[in-house]
Amino acid sequence: MTPLPLLYAQHLARDRRRSAHTVRAYEATALRLLAFLQSHWGGPVAREALAQITPADLRAFLAHRRNEGLSNASAARELSAVRGFLKFAGGEGAELPRLRGPRVKKGVPRPISPQEAVALAETVSEEAVERWIAARDWAVLLLLYGAGLRIGEAVGLTAAILPLGETLTVTGKRNKTRLVPLLPQVRAAIEAYAEACPYALGRDAPLFRGAKGGPLSPGIIRKSVRSARAMLGLSDRTTPHALRHSFATHLLGRGADLRALQELLGHASLSSTQIYTAVDAAHLLDVYRNAHPRA
């Protein structure tokens, strides 16, 4: 018989079209919950028994996880995953125990300036050991800052996007596609990489390759960015994802419409995009404090 957490993972991947990362994380949560309940209840946990879980049981599970060092944000995500698992286990109409999640303070993304974004990409490129890898890293980072892609979206592109046009179709979370414009500089960077790449770029093959020809791992780009930001004296928050934040913040600062920005970023809801208004307001406040004689 297939274990329940694995059935849940298959459901998330097949029916809910969740990303591989989300599927792994939610399956791990389901396994942790069952292991905790087996100890907490003193015996094996059948699927039917999950319908009897109480708010007190969930509080005990979260307390156990918090003792393992979980932050409020991580505990909130864990509770969300638990609710999804219990709903799946109970089927349609299942009543879930009511439990308020931990309060999570919404973090405001920390964008970097256009000059810092370019300097970061240049430094990563200059530190590459081969010319084609330098071209690859430059192209990937320009996609994050110039088109607002997530790192996973960028490395997930296939060579089918070649030859490039003025726009790019991107597959984001939950397999949703969106159209993003390509700046001439971004287009030129991708074309230069494709020309320099020593591996055959078949239409169904990954566009961005690792040093040995396999698909490029996001971890390689993250590692290069960590090294470059240390050399430039930039904050630890300067990550590949910070380039996407910067794309959004700089567009908003130049008068971009919030709905249009939502489409460009591939956000499912406008509330996800509205956080950038706080970023822009924070920037304006910094300018005011630094420039106003009475500030």
C-alpha atoms as a PDB file:
ATOM      1  CA  MET A   1       0.000   0.000   0.000  1.00  0.00           C
ATOM      2  CA  THR A   2       1.325   3.445  -0.950  1.00  0.00           C
ATOM      3  CA  PRO A   3       2.126   5.573   2.127  1.00  0.00           C
ATOM      4  CA  LEU A   4      -0.267   8.473   2.666  1.00  0.00           C
ATOM      5  CA  PRO A   5       2.426  11.216   2.503  1.00  0.00           C
ATOM      6  CA  LEU A   6       3.531   9.884  -0.891  1.00  0.00           C
ATOM      7  CA  LEU A   7      -0.083   9.860  -2.137  1.00  0.00           C
ATOM      8  CA  TYR A   8      -0.339  13.463  -0.941  1.00  0.00           C
ATOM      9  CA  ALA A   9       2.850  14.384  -2.809  1.00  0.00           C
ATOM     10  CA  GLN A  10       1.534  12.757  -5.992  1.00  0.00           C
ATOM     11  CA  HIS A  11      -1.732  14.691  -5.600  1.00  0.00           C
ATOM     12  CA  LEU A  12       0.132  17.990  -5.212  1.00  0.00           C
ATOM     13  CA  ALA A  13       2.276  17.367  -8.279  1.00  0.00           C
ATOM     14  CA  ARG A  14      -0.425  15.927 -10.528  1.00  0.00           C
ATOM     15  CA  ASP A  15      -3.641  17.675  -9.496  1.00  0.00           C
ATOM     16  CA  ARG A  16      -2.443  20.901  -7.908  1.00  0.00           C
ATOM     17  CA  ARG A  17       0.541  21.432 -10.229  1.00  0.00           C
ATOM     18  CA  ARG A  18       2.774  22.478  -7.353  1.00  0.00           C
ATOM     19  CA  SER A  19       6.504  22.898  -7.914  1.00  0.00           C
ATOM     20  CA  ALA A  20       8.896  20.049  -7.120  1.00  0.00           C
ATOM     21  CA  HIS A  21      10.291  22.094  -4.226  1.00  0.00           C
ATOM     22  CA  THR A  22       6.822  22.611  -2.711  1.00  0.00           C
ATOM     23  CA  VAL A  23       5.940  18.936  -3.169  1.00  0.00           C
ATOM     24  CA  ARG A  24       9.089  17.830  -1.321  1.00  0.00           C
ATOM     25  CA  ALA A  25       8.512  20.323   1.494  1.00  0.00           C
ATOM     26  CA  TYR A  26       4.842  19.375   2.004  1.00  0.00           C
ATOM     27  CA  GLU A  27       5.575  15.646   1.880  1.00  0.00           C
ATOM     28  CA  ALA A  28       8.284  16.159   4.519  1.00  0.00           C
ATOM     29  CA  THR A  29       5.773  18.008   6.727  1.00  0.00           C
ATOM     30  CA  ALA A  30       3.265  15.152   6.385  1.00  0.00           C
ATOM     31  CA  LEU A  31       5.930  12.645   7.401  1.00  0.00           C
ATOM     32  CA  ARG A  32       6.926  14.772  10.407  1.00  0.00           C
ATOM     33  CA  LEU A  33       3.305  15.102  11.525  1.00  0.00           C
ATOM     34  CA  LEU A  34       2.667  11.341  11.359  1.00  0.00           C
ATOM     35  CA  ALA A  35       5.897  10.590  13.242  1.00  0.00           C
ATOM     36  CA  PHE A  36       4.965  13.103  15.937  1.00  0.00           C
ATOM     37  CA  LEU A  37       1.404  11.776  16.276  1.00  0.00           C
ATOM     38  CA  GLN A  38       2.645   8.203  16.557  1.00  0.00           C
ATOM     39  CA  SER A  39       4.734   9.249  19.559  1.00  0.00           C
ATOM     40  CA  HIS A  40       2.082  11.657  20.891  1.00  0.00           C
ATOM     41  CA  TRP A  41      -0.769   9.166  20.662  1.00  0.00           C
ATOM     42  CA  GLY A  42       1.333   6.125  21.486  1.00  0.00           C
ATOM     43  CA  GLY A  43       0.679   3.991  18.437  1.00  0.00           C
ATOM     44  CA  PRO A  44       0.382   3.743  14.641  1.00  0.00           C
ATOM     45  CA  VAL A  45      -1.675   6.479  12.966  1.00  0.00           C
ATOM     46  CA  ALA A  46      -4.297   5.266  10.504  1.00  0.00           C
ATOM     47  CA  ARG A  47      -5.761   7.589   7.864  1.00  0.00           C
ATOM     48  CA  GLU A  48      -9.150   7.470   9.592  1.00  0.00           C
ATOM     49  CA  ALA A  49      -7.581   8.574  12.882  1.00  0.00           C
ATOM     50  CA  LEU A  50      -6.455  11.877  11.328  1.00  0.00           C
ATOM     51  CA  ALA A  51     -10.094  12.975  11.284  1.00  0.00           C
ATOM     52  CA  GLN A  52      -9.952  12.993  15.098  1.00  0.00           C
ATOM     53  CA  ILE A  53      -6.993  15.347  15.400  1.00  0.00           C
ATOM     54  CA  THR A  54      -7.684  18.285  17.736  1.00  0.00           C
ATOM     55  CA  PRO A  55      -6.395  21.858  18.023  1.00  0.00           C
ATOM     56  CA  ALA A  56      -4.483  20.706  21.117  1.00  0.00           C
ATOM     57  CA  ASP A  57      -2.711  18.043  19.030  1.00  0.00           C
ATOM     58  CA  LEU A  58      -1.728  20.642  16.441  1.00  0.00           C
ATOM     59  CA  ARG A  59      -0.534  23.049  19.120  1.00  0.00           C
ATOM     60  CA  ALA A  60       1.622  20.280  20.568  1.00  0.00           C
ATOM     61  CA  PHE A  61       3.045  19.523  17.125  1.00  0.00           C
ATOM     62  CA  LEU A  62       3.867  23.188  16.482  1.00  0.00           C
ATOM     63  CA  ALA A  63       5.434  23.523  19.934  1.00  0.00           C
ATOM     64  CA  HIS A  64       7.558  20.470  19.156  1.00  0.00           C
ATOM     65  CA  ARG A  65       8.646  22.049  15.856  1.00  0.00           C
ATOM     66  CA  ARG A  66       9.323  25.410  17.504  1.00  0.00           C
ATOM     67  CA  ASN A  67      11.609  23.650  19.983  1.00  0.00           C
ATOM     68  CA  GLU A  68      13.558  22.461  16.931  1.00  0.00           C
ATOM     69  CA  GLY A  69      14.233  26.090  16.037  1.00  0.00           C
ATOM     70  CA  LEU A  70      11.391  27.013  13.667  1.00  0.00           C
ATOM     71  CA  SER A  71      10.730  30.732  13.186  1.00  0.00           C
ATOM     72  CA  ASN A  72       7.225  32.216  13.134  1.00  0.00           C
ATOM     73  CA  ALA A  73       7.257  32.323   9.339  1.00  0.00           C
ATOM     74  CA  SER A  74       8.407  28.705   9.054  1.00  0.00           C
ATOM     75  CA  ALA A  75       5.855  27.583  11.659  1.00  0.00           C
ATOM     76  CA  ALA A  76       3.090  29.330   9.697  1.00  0.00           C
ATOM     77  CA  ARG A  77       4.161  27.525   6.514  1.00  0.00           C
ATOM     78  CA  GLU A  78       4.305  24.226   8.430  1.00  0.00           C
ATOM     79  CA  LEU A  79       0.754  24.730   9.698  1.00  0.00           C
ATOM     80  CA  SER A  80      -0.435  25.534   6.174  1.00  0.00           C
ATOM     81  CA  ALA A  81       1.136  22.318   4.885  1.00  0.00           C
ATOM     82  CA  VAL A  82      -0.440  20.334   7.745  1.00  0.00           C
ATOM     83  CA  ARG A  83      -3.885  21.727   6.926  1.00  0.00           C
ATOM     84  CA  GLY A  84      -3.465  20.765   3.288  1.00  0.00           C
ATOM     85  CA  PHE A  85      -2.421  17.248   4.244  1.00  0.00           C
ATOM     86  CA  LEU A  86      -5.332  16.796   6.673  1.00  0.00           C
ATOM     87  CA  LYS A  87      -7.791  18.067   4.080  1.00  0.00           C
ATOM     88  CA  PHE A  88      -6.388  15.586   1.560  1.00  0.00           C
ATOM     89  CA  ALA A  89      -6.518  12.735   4.092  1.00  0.00           C
ATOM     90  CA  GLY A  90     -10.104  13.517   5.089  1.00  0.00           C
ATOM     91  CA  GLY A  91     -11.424  14.004   1.569  1.00  0.00           C
ATOM     92  CA  GLU A  92     -14.083  16.444   0.397  1.00  0.00           C
ATOM     93  CA  GLY A  93     -16.027  18.048   3.220  1.00  0.00           C
ATOM     94  CA  ALA A  94     -13.449  17.210   5.866  1.00  0.00           C
ATOM     95  CA  GLU A  95     -13.656  19.518   8.882  1.00  0.00           C
ATOM     96  CA  LEU A  96     -10.282  20.788   9.983  1.00  0.00           C
ATOM     97  CA  PRO A  97      -9.467  21.728  13.580  1.00  0.00           C
ATOM     98  CA  ARG A  98      -9.485  25.500  14.072  1.00  0.00           C
ATOM     99  CA  LEU A  99      -6.135  26.873  15.110  1.00  0.00           C
ATOM    100  CA  ARG A 100      -4.778  30.362  14.648  1.00  0.00           C
ATOM    101  CA  GLY A 101      -1.312  30.337  13.131  1.00  0.00           C
ATOM    102  CA  PRO A 102       1.635  32.289  14.546  1.00  0.00           C
ATOM    103  CA  ARG A 103       1.786  35.961  13.644  1.00  0.00           C
ATOM    104  CA  VAL A 104       4.197  36.649  10.825  1.00  0.00           C
ATOM    105  CA  LYS A 105       5.572  40.104  10.271  1.00  0.00           C
ATOM    106  CA  LYS A 106       5.559  40.785   6.545  1.00  0.00           C
ATOM    107  CA  GLY A 107       9.093  41.428   5.423  1.00  0.00           C
ATOM    108  CA  VAL A 108       9.743  44.182   2.924  1.00  0.00           C
ATOM    109  CA  PRO A 109      12.084  43.143   0.107  1.00  0.00           C
ATOM    110  CA  ARG A 110      15.426  44.931   0.046  1.00  0.00           C
ATOM    111  CA  PRO A 111      16.143  46.029  -3.518  1.00  0.00           C
ATOM    112  CA  ILE A 112      19.557  47.151  -4.709  1.00  0.00           C
ATOM    113  CA  SER A 113      20.297  50.093  -6.983  1.00  0.00           C
ATOM    114  CA  PRO A 114      20.608  49.678 -10.766  1.00  0.00           C
ATOM    115  CA  GLN A 115      24.341  50.362 -10.457  1.00  0.00           C
ATOM    116  CA  GLU A 116      24.716  47.649  -7.801  1.00  0.00           C
ATOM    117  CA  ALA A 117      22.706  45.185  -9.889  1.00  0.00           C
ATOM    118  CA  VAL A 118      24.969  45.705 -12.899  1.00  0.00           C
ATOM    119  CA  ALA A 119      28.119  45.631 -10.744  1.00  0.00           C
ATOM    120  CA  LEU A 120      26.988  42.361  -9.181  1.00  0.00           C
ATOM    121  CA  ALA A 121      26.352  40.748 -12.572  1.00  0.00           C
ATOM    122  CA  GLU A 122      29.674  42.039 -13.910  1.00  0.00           C
ATOM    123  CA  THR A 123      31.610  40.725 -10.912  1.00  0.00           C
ATOM    124  CA  VAL A 124      29.993  37.272 -11.132  1.00  0.00           C
ATOM    125  CA  SER A 125      30.797  37.190 -14.847  1.00  0.00           C
ATOM    126  CA  GLU A 126      34.402  38.334 -14.365  1.00  0.00           C
ATOM    127  CA  GLU A 127      35.050  35.642 -11.766  1.00  0.00           C
ATOM    128  CA  ALA A 128      33.943  32.822 -14.108  1.00  0.00           C
ATOM    129  CA  VAL A 129      36.656  30.350 -15.064  1.00  0.00           C
ATOM    130  CA  GLU A 130      35.679  30.138 -18.758  1.00  0.00           C
ATOM    131  CA  ARG A 131      34.441  32.693 -21.276  1.00  0.00           C
ATOM    132  CA  TRP A 132      31.210  30.864 -22.060  1.00  0.00           C
ATOM    133  CA  ILE A 133      30.419  30.485 -18.339  1.00  0.00           C
ATOM    134  CA  ALA A 134      30.991  34.217 -17.919  1.00  0.00           C
ATOM    135  CA  ALA A 135      28.498  34.831 -20.737  1.00  0.00           C
ATOM    136  CA  ARG A 136      26.053  32.398 -19.137  1.00  0.00           C
ATOM    137  CA  ASP A 137      26.149  34.017 -15.700  1.00  0.00           C
ATOM    138  CA  TRP A 138      25.814  37.500 -17.200  1.00  0.00           C
ATOM    139  CA  ALA A 139      22.758  36.386 -19.196  1.00  0.00           C
ATOM    140  CA  VAL A 140      21.082  34.661 -16.219  1.00  0.00           C
ATOM    141  CA  LEU A 141      21.515  37.634 -13.880  1.00  0.00           C
ATOM    142  CA  LEU A 142      20.301  40.094 -16.519  1.00  0.00           C
ATOM    143  CA  LEU A 143      17.176  37.957 -16.902  1.00  0.00           C
ATOM    144  CA  LEU A 144      16.508  38.295 -13.164  1.00  0.00           C
ATOM    145  CA  TYR A 145      17.014  42.061 -13.080  1.00  0.00           C
ATOM    146  CA  GLY A 146      15.968  42.998 -16.613  1.00  0.00           C
ATOM    147  CA  ALA A 147      12.902  40.754 -16.898  1.00  0.00           C
ATOM    148  CA  GLY A 148      11.986  40.002 -13.275  1.00  0.00           C
ATOM    149  CA  LEU A 149      12.349  36.234 -13.534  1.00  0.00           C
ATOM    150  CA  ARG A 150      12.736  33.946 -10.549  1.00  0.00           C
ATOM    151  CA  ILE A 151      16.021  32.040 -10.543  1.00  0.00           C
ATOM    152  CA  GLY A 152      14.148  28.752 -11.066  1.00  0.00           C
ATOM    153  CA  GLU A 153      12.314  30.225 -14.055  1.00  0.00           C
ATOM    154  CA  ALA A 154      15.551  31.407 -15.647  1.00  0.00           C
ATOM    155  CA  VAL A 155      17.439  28.109 -15.320  1.00  0.00           C
ATOM    156  CA  GLY A 156      14.284  26.243 -16.391  1.00  0.00           C
ATOM    157  CA  LEU A 157      14.223  27.853 -19.834  1.00  0.00           C
ATOM    158  CA  THR A 158      14.814  25.565 -22.801  1.00  0.00           C
ATOM    159  CA  ALA A 159      16.572  26.397 -26.048  1.00  0.00           C
ATOM    160  CA  ALA A 160      13.143  26.471 -27.696  1.00  0.00           C
ATOM    161  CA  ILE A 161      13.105  30.214 -26.902  1.00  0.00           C
ATOM    162  CA  LEU A 162      15.766  30.671 -29.619  1.00  0.00           C
ATOM    163  CA  PRO A 163      15.799  32.644 -31.835  1.00  0.00           C
ATOM    164  CA  LEU A 164      14.672  35.409 -29.503  1.00  0.00           C
ATOM    165  CA  GLY A 165      11.978  37.953 -30.172  1.00  0.00           C
ATOM    166  CA  GLU A 166      10.922  41.044 -28.256  1.00  0.00           C
ATOM    167  CA  THR A 167       9.071  38.967 -25.649  1.00  0.00           C
ATOM    168  CA  LEU A 168       9.642  35.743 -23.763  1.00  0.00           C
ATOM    169  CA  THR A 169       7.087  33.191 -22.579  1.00  0.00           C
ATOM    170  CA  VAL A 170       7.960  32.105 -19.034  1.00  0.00           C
ATOM    171  CA  THR A 171       6.537  29.170 -17.083  1.00  0.00           C
ATOM    172  CA  GLY A 172       6.227  30.109 -13.418  1.00  0.00           C
ATOM    173  CA  LYS A 173       4.699  28.663 -10.281  1.00  0.00           C
ATOM    174  CA  ARG A 174       1.923  26.099 -10.747  1.00  0.00           C
ATOM    175  CA  ASN A 175       2.877  25.892 -14.431  1.00  0.00           C
ATOM    176  CA  LYS A 176       1.309  29.281 -15.149  1.00  0.00           C
ATOM    177  CA  THR A 177       2.749  31.010 -18.194  1.00  0.00           C
ATOM    178  CA  ARG A 178       3.230  34.724 -18.710  1.00  0.00           C
ATOM    179  CA  LEU A 179       4.719  36.988 -21.333  1.00  0.00           C
ATOM    180  CA  VAL A 180       7.604  39.276 -20.388  1.00  0.00           C
ATOM    181  CA  PRO A 181       9.317  41.857 -22.619  1.00  0.00           C
ATOM    182  CA  LEU A 182      13.010  41.423 -23.368  1.00  0.00           C
ATOM    183  CA  LEU A 183      15.201  44.503 -23.240  1.00  0.00           C
ATOM    184  CA  PRO A 184      17.751  44.666 -26.072  1.00  0.00           C
ATOM    185  CA  GLN A 185      20.582  44.254 -23.519  1.00  0.00           C
ATOM    186  CA  VAL A 186      19.003  41.091 -22.106  1.00  0.00           C
ATOM    187  CA  ARG A 187      18.380  39.684 -25.559  1.00  0.00           C
ATOM    188  CA  ALA A 188      21.962  40.402 -26.597  1.00  0.00           C
ATOM    189  CA  ALA A 189      23.304  38.714 -23.443  1.00  0.00           C
ATOM    190  CA  ILE A 190      21.328  35.517 -24.079  1.00  0.00           C
ATOM    191  CA  GLU A 191      22.354  35.439 -27.741  1.00  0.00           C
ATOM    192  CA  ALA A 192      26.031  35.932 -26.838  1.00  0.00           C
ATOM    193  CA  TYR A 193      25.813  33.050 -24.367  1.00  0.00           C
ATOM    194  CA  ALA A 194      24.064  30.766 -26.886  1.00  0.00           C
ATOM    195  CA  GLU A 195      26.807  31.453 -29.414  1.00  0.00           C
ATOM    196  CA  ALA A 196      29.585  30.793 -26.888  1.00  0.00           C
ATOM    197  CA  CYS A 197      28.042  27.685 -25.277  1.00  0.00           C
ATOM    198  CA  PRO A 198      30.089  24.580 -26.211  1.00  0.00           C
ATOM    199  CA  TYR A 199      27.100  22.227 -25.905  1.00  0.00           C
ATOM    200  CA  ALA A 200      24.426  21.586 -28.527  1.00  0.00           C
ATOM    201  CA  LEU A 201      21.280  23.562 -27.693  1.00  0.00           C
ATOM    202  CA  GLY A 202      18.477  21.317 -28.962  1.00  0.00           C
ATOM    203  CA  ARG A 203      14.984  22.773 -28.717  1.00  0.00           C
ATOM    204  CA  ASP A 204      13.937  20.578 -25.799  1.00  0.00           C
ATOM    205  CA  ALA A 205      17.292  20.812 -24.018  1.00  0.00           C
ATOM    206  CA  PRO A 206      18.013  23.205 -21.137  1.00  0.00           C
ATOM    207  CA  LEU A 207      19.198  26.587 -22.387  1.00  0.00           C
ATOM    208  CA  PHE A 208      21.573  27.256 -19.507  1.00  0.00           C
ATOM    209  CA  ARG A 209      24.139  24.522 -18.899  1.00  0.00           C
ATOM    210  CA  GLY A 210      26.428  23.597 -16.048  1.00  0.00           C
ATOM    211  CA  ALA A 211      30.168  23.274 -16.586  1.00  0.00           C
ATOM    212  CA  LYS A 212      29.820  19.589 -17.539  1.00  0.00           C
ATOM    213  CA  GLY A 213      26.864  20.114 -19.864  1.00  0.00           C
ATOM    214  CA  GLY A 214      23.975  19.218 -17.558  1.00  0.00           C
ATOM    215  CA  PRO A 215      21.183  21.629 -16.559  1.00  0.00           C
ATOM    216  CA  LEU A 216      22.472  24.649 -14.639  1.00  0.00           C
ATOM    217  CA  SER A 217      21.679  24.431 -10.928  1.00  0.00           C
ATOM    218  CA  PRO A 218      20.281  27.541  -9.186  1.00  0.00           C
ATOM    219  CA  GLY A 219      22.759  26.799  -6.388  1.00  0.00           C
ATOM    220  CA  ILE A 220      25.678  27.585  -8.712  1.00  0.00           C
ATOM    221  CA  ILE A 221      24.313  31.074  -9.372  1.00  0.00           C
ATOM    222  CA  ARG A 222      23.535  31.634  -5.678  1.00  0.00           C
ATOM    223  CA  LYS A 223      27.092  30.634  -4.734  1.00  0.00           C
ATOM    224  CA  SER A 224      28.587  32.996  -7.327  1.00  0.00           C
ATOM    225  CA  VAL A 225      26.375  35.856  -6.095  1.00  0.00           C
ATOM    226  CA  ARG A 226      27.455  35.239  -2.481  1.00  0.00           C
ATOM    227  CA  SER A 227      31.102  35.521  -3.510  1.00  0.00           C
ATOM    228  CA  ALA A 228      30.513  38.630  -5.630  1.00  0.00           C
ATOM    229  CA  ARG A 229      28.512  40.491  -2.994  1.00  0.00           C
ATOM    230  CA  ALA A 230      31.300  39.929  -0.473  1.00  0.00           C
ATOM    231  CA  MET A 231      33.795  41.412  -2.922  1.00  0.00           C
ATOM    232  CA  LEU A 232      31.516  44.421  -3.501  1.00  0.00           C
ATOM    233  CA  GLY A 233      30.644  44.882   0.177  1.00  0.00           C
ATOM    234  CA  LEU A 234      26.920  44.386  -0.453  1.00  0.00           C
ATOM    235  CA  SER A 235      24.404  43.162   2.126  1.00  0.00           C
ATOM    236  CA  ASP A 236      23.765  39.479   2.820  1.00  0.00           C
ATOM    237  CA  ARG A 237      20.284  40.136   1.489  1.00  0.00           C
ATOM    238  CA  THR A 238      21.752  40.661  -1.967  1.00  0.00           C
ATOM    239  CA  THR A 239      20.638  37.359  -3.446  1.00  0.00           C
ATOM    240  CA  PRO A 240      19.513  36.393  -6.957  1.00  0.00           C
ATOM    241  CA  HIS A 241      15.941  36.978  -5.753  1.00  0.00           C
ATOM    242  CA  ALA A 242      16.890  40.521  -4.701  1.00  0.00           C
ATOM    243  CA  LEU A 243      17.433  41.266  -8.399  1.00  0.00           C
ATOM    244  CA  ARG A 244      13.790  40.367  -9.066  1.00  0.00           C
ATOM    245  CA  HIS A 245      12.751  42.624  -6.161  1.00  0.00           C
ATOM    246  CA  SER A 246      14.836  45.404  -7.667  1.00  0.00           C
ATOM    247  CA  PHE A 247      13.195  44.924 -11.071  1.00  0.00           C
ATOM    248  CA  ALA A 248       9.769  45.338  -9.479  1.00  0.00           C
ATOM    249  CA  THR A 249      10.694  48.260  -7.240  1.00  0.00           C
ATOM    250  CA  HIS A 250      12.440  50.229  -9.965  1.00  0.00           C
ATOM    251  CA  LEU A 251       9.512  49.760 -12.372  1.00  0.00           C
ATOM    252  CA  LEU A 252       7.062  50.900  -9.710  1.00  0.00           C
ATOM    253  CA  GLY A 253       9.240  53.903  -8.946  1.00  0.00           C
ATOM    254  CA  ARG A 254       9.115  54.869 -12.620  1.00  0.00           C
ATOM    255  CA  GLY A 255       5.315  54.846 -12.593  1.00  0.00           C
ATOM    256  CA  ALA A 256       4.475  51.272 -13.601  1.00  0.00           C
ATOM    257  CA  ASP A 257       0.860  50.246 -12.998  1.00  0.00           C
ATOM    258  CA  LEU A 258       0.438  47.764 -10.141  1.00  0.00           C
ATOM    259  CA  ARG A 259      -1.763  45.434 -12.220  1.00  0.00           C
ATOM    260  CA  ALA A 260       0.764  45.409 -15.059  1.00  0.00           C
ATOM    261  CA  LEU A 261       3.518  44.678 -12.548  1.00  0.00           C
ATOM    262  CA  GLN A 262       1.464  41.775 -11.189  1.00  0.00           C
ATOM    263  CA  GLU A 263       1.335  40.271 -14.681  1.00  0.00           C
ATOM    264  CA  LEU A 264       5.056  40.791 -15.290  1.00  0.00           C
ATOM    265  CA  LEU A 265       5.974  39.113 -11.999  1.00  0.00           C
ATOM    266  CA  GLY A 266       3.503  36.263 -12.400  1.00  0.00           C
ATOM    267  CA  HIS A 267       1.844  36.848  -9.025  1.00  0.00           C
ATOM    268  CA  ALA A 268      -1.442  34.997  -8.530  1.00  0.00           C
ATOM    269  CA  SER A 269      -2.943  37.814  -6.436  1.00  0.00           C
ATOM    270  CA  LEU A 270      -2.490  41.563  -6.324  1.00  0.00           C
ATOM    271  CA  SER A 271      -1.713  41.392  -2.590  1.00  0.00           C
ATOM    272  CA  SER A 272       1.579  39.664  -3.434  1.00  0.00           C
ATOM    273  CA  THR A 273       2.535  42.608  -5.644  1.00  0.00           C
ATOM    274  CA  GLN A 274       1.382  45.340  -3.268  1.00  0.00           C
ATOM    275  CA  ILE A 275       4.361  44.717  -0.994  1.00  0.00           C
ATOM    276  CA  TYR A 276       6.431  46.653  -3.533  1.00  0.00           C
ATOM    277  CA  THR A 277       4.488  49.826  -2.765  1.00  0.00           C
ATOM    278  CA  ALA A 278       5.955  49.572   0.738  1.00  0.00           C
ATOM    279  CA  VAL A 279       9.412  49.173  -0.765  1.00  0.00           C
ATOM    280  CA  ASP A 280       8.980  52.264  -2.898  1.00  0.00           C
ATOM    281  CA  ALA A 281       7.614  54.263   0.039  1.00  0.00           C
ATOM    282  CA  ALA A 282      10.628  53.200   2.111  1.00  0.00           C
ATOM    283  CA  HIS A 283      12.945  54.414  -0.646  1.00  0.00           C
ATOM    284  CA  LEU A 284      11.164  57.772  -0.839  1.00  0.00           C
ATOM    285  CA  LEU A 285      11.455  58.161   2.926  1.00  0.00           C
ATOM    286  CA  ASP A 286      15.202  57.486   2.739  1.00  0.00           C
ATOM    287  CA  VAL A 287      15.570  60.126   0.020  1.00  0.00           C
ATOM    288  CA  TYR A 288      13.579  62.610   2.109  1.00  0.00           C
ATOM    289  CA  ARG A 289      15.638  61.977   5.250  1.00  0.00           C
ATOM    290  CA  ASN A 290      18.916  62.309   3.391  1.00  0.00           C
ATOM    291  CA  ALA A 291      17.999  65.372   1.347  1.00  0.00           C
ATOM    292  CA  HIS A 292      15.553  67.513   3.326  1.00  0.00           C
ATOM    293  CA  PRO A 293      17.247  70.189   5.462  1.00  0.00           C
ATOM    294  CA  ARG A 294      14.705  69.693   8.271  1.00  0.00           C
ATOM    295  CA  ALA A 295      14.765  65.906   8.223  1.00  0.00           C
END
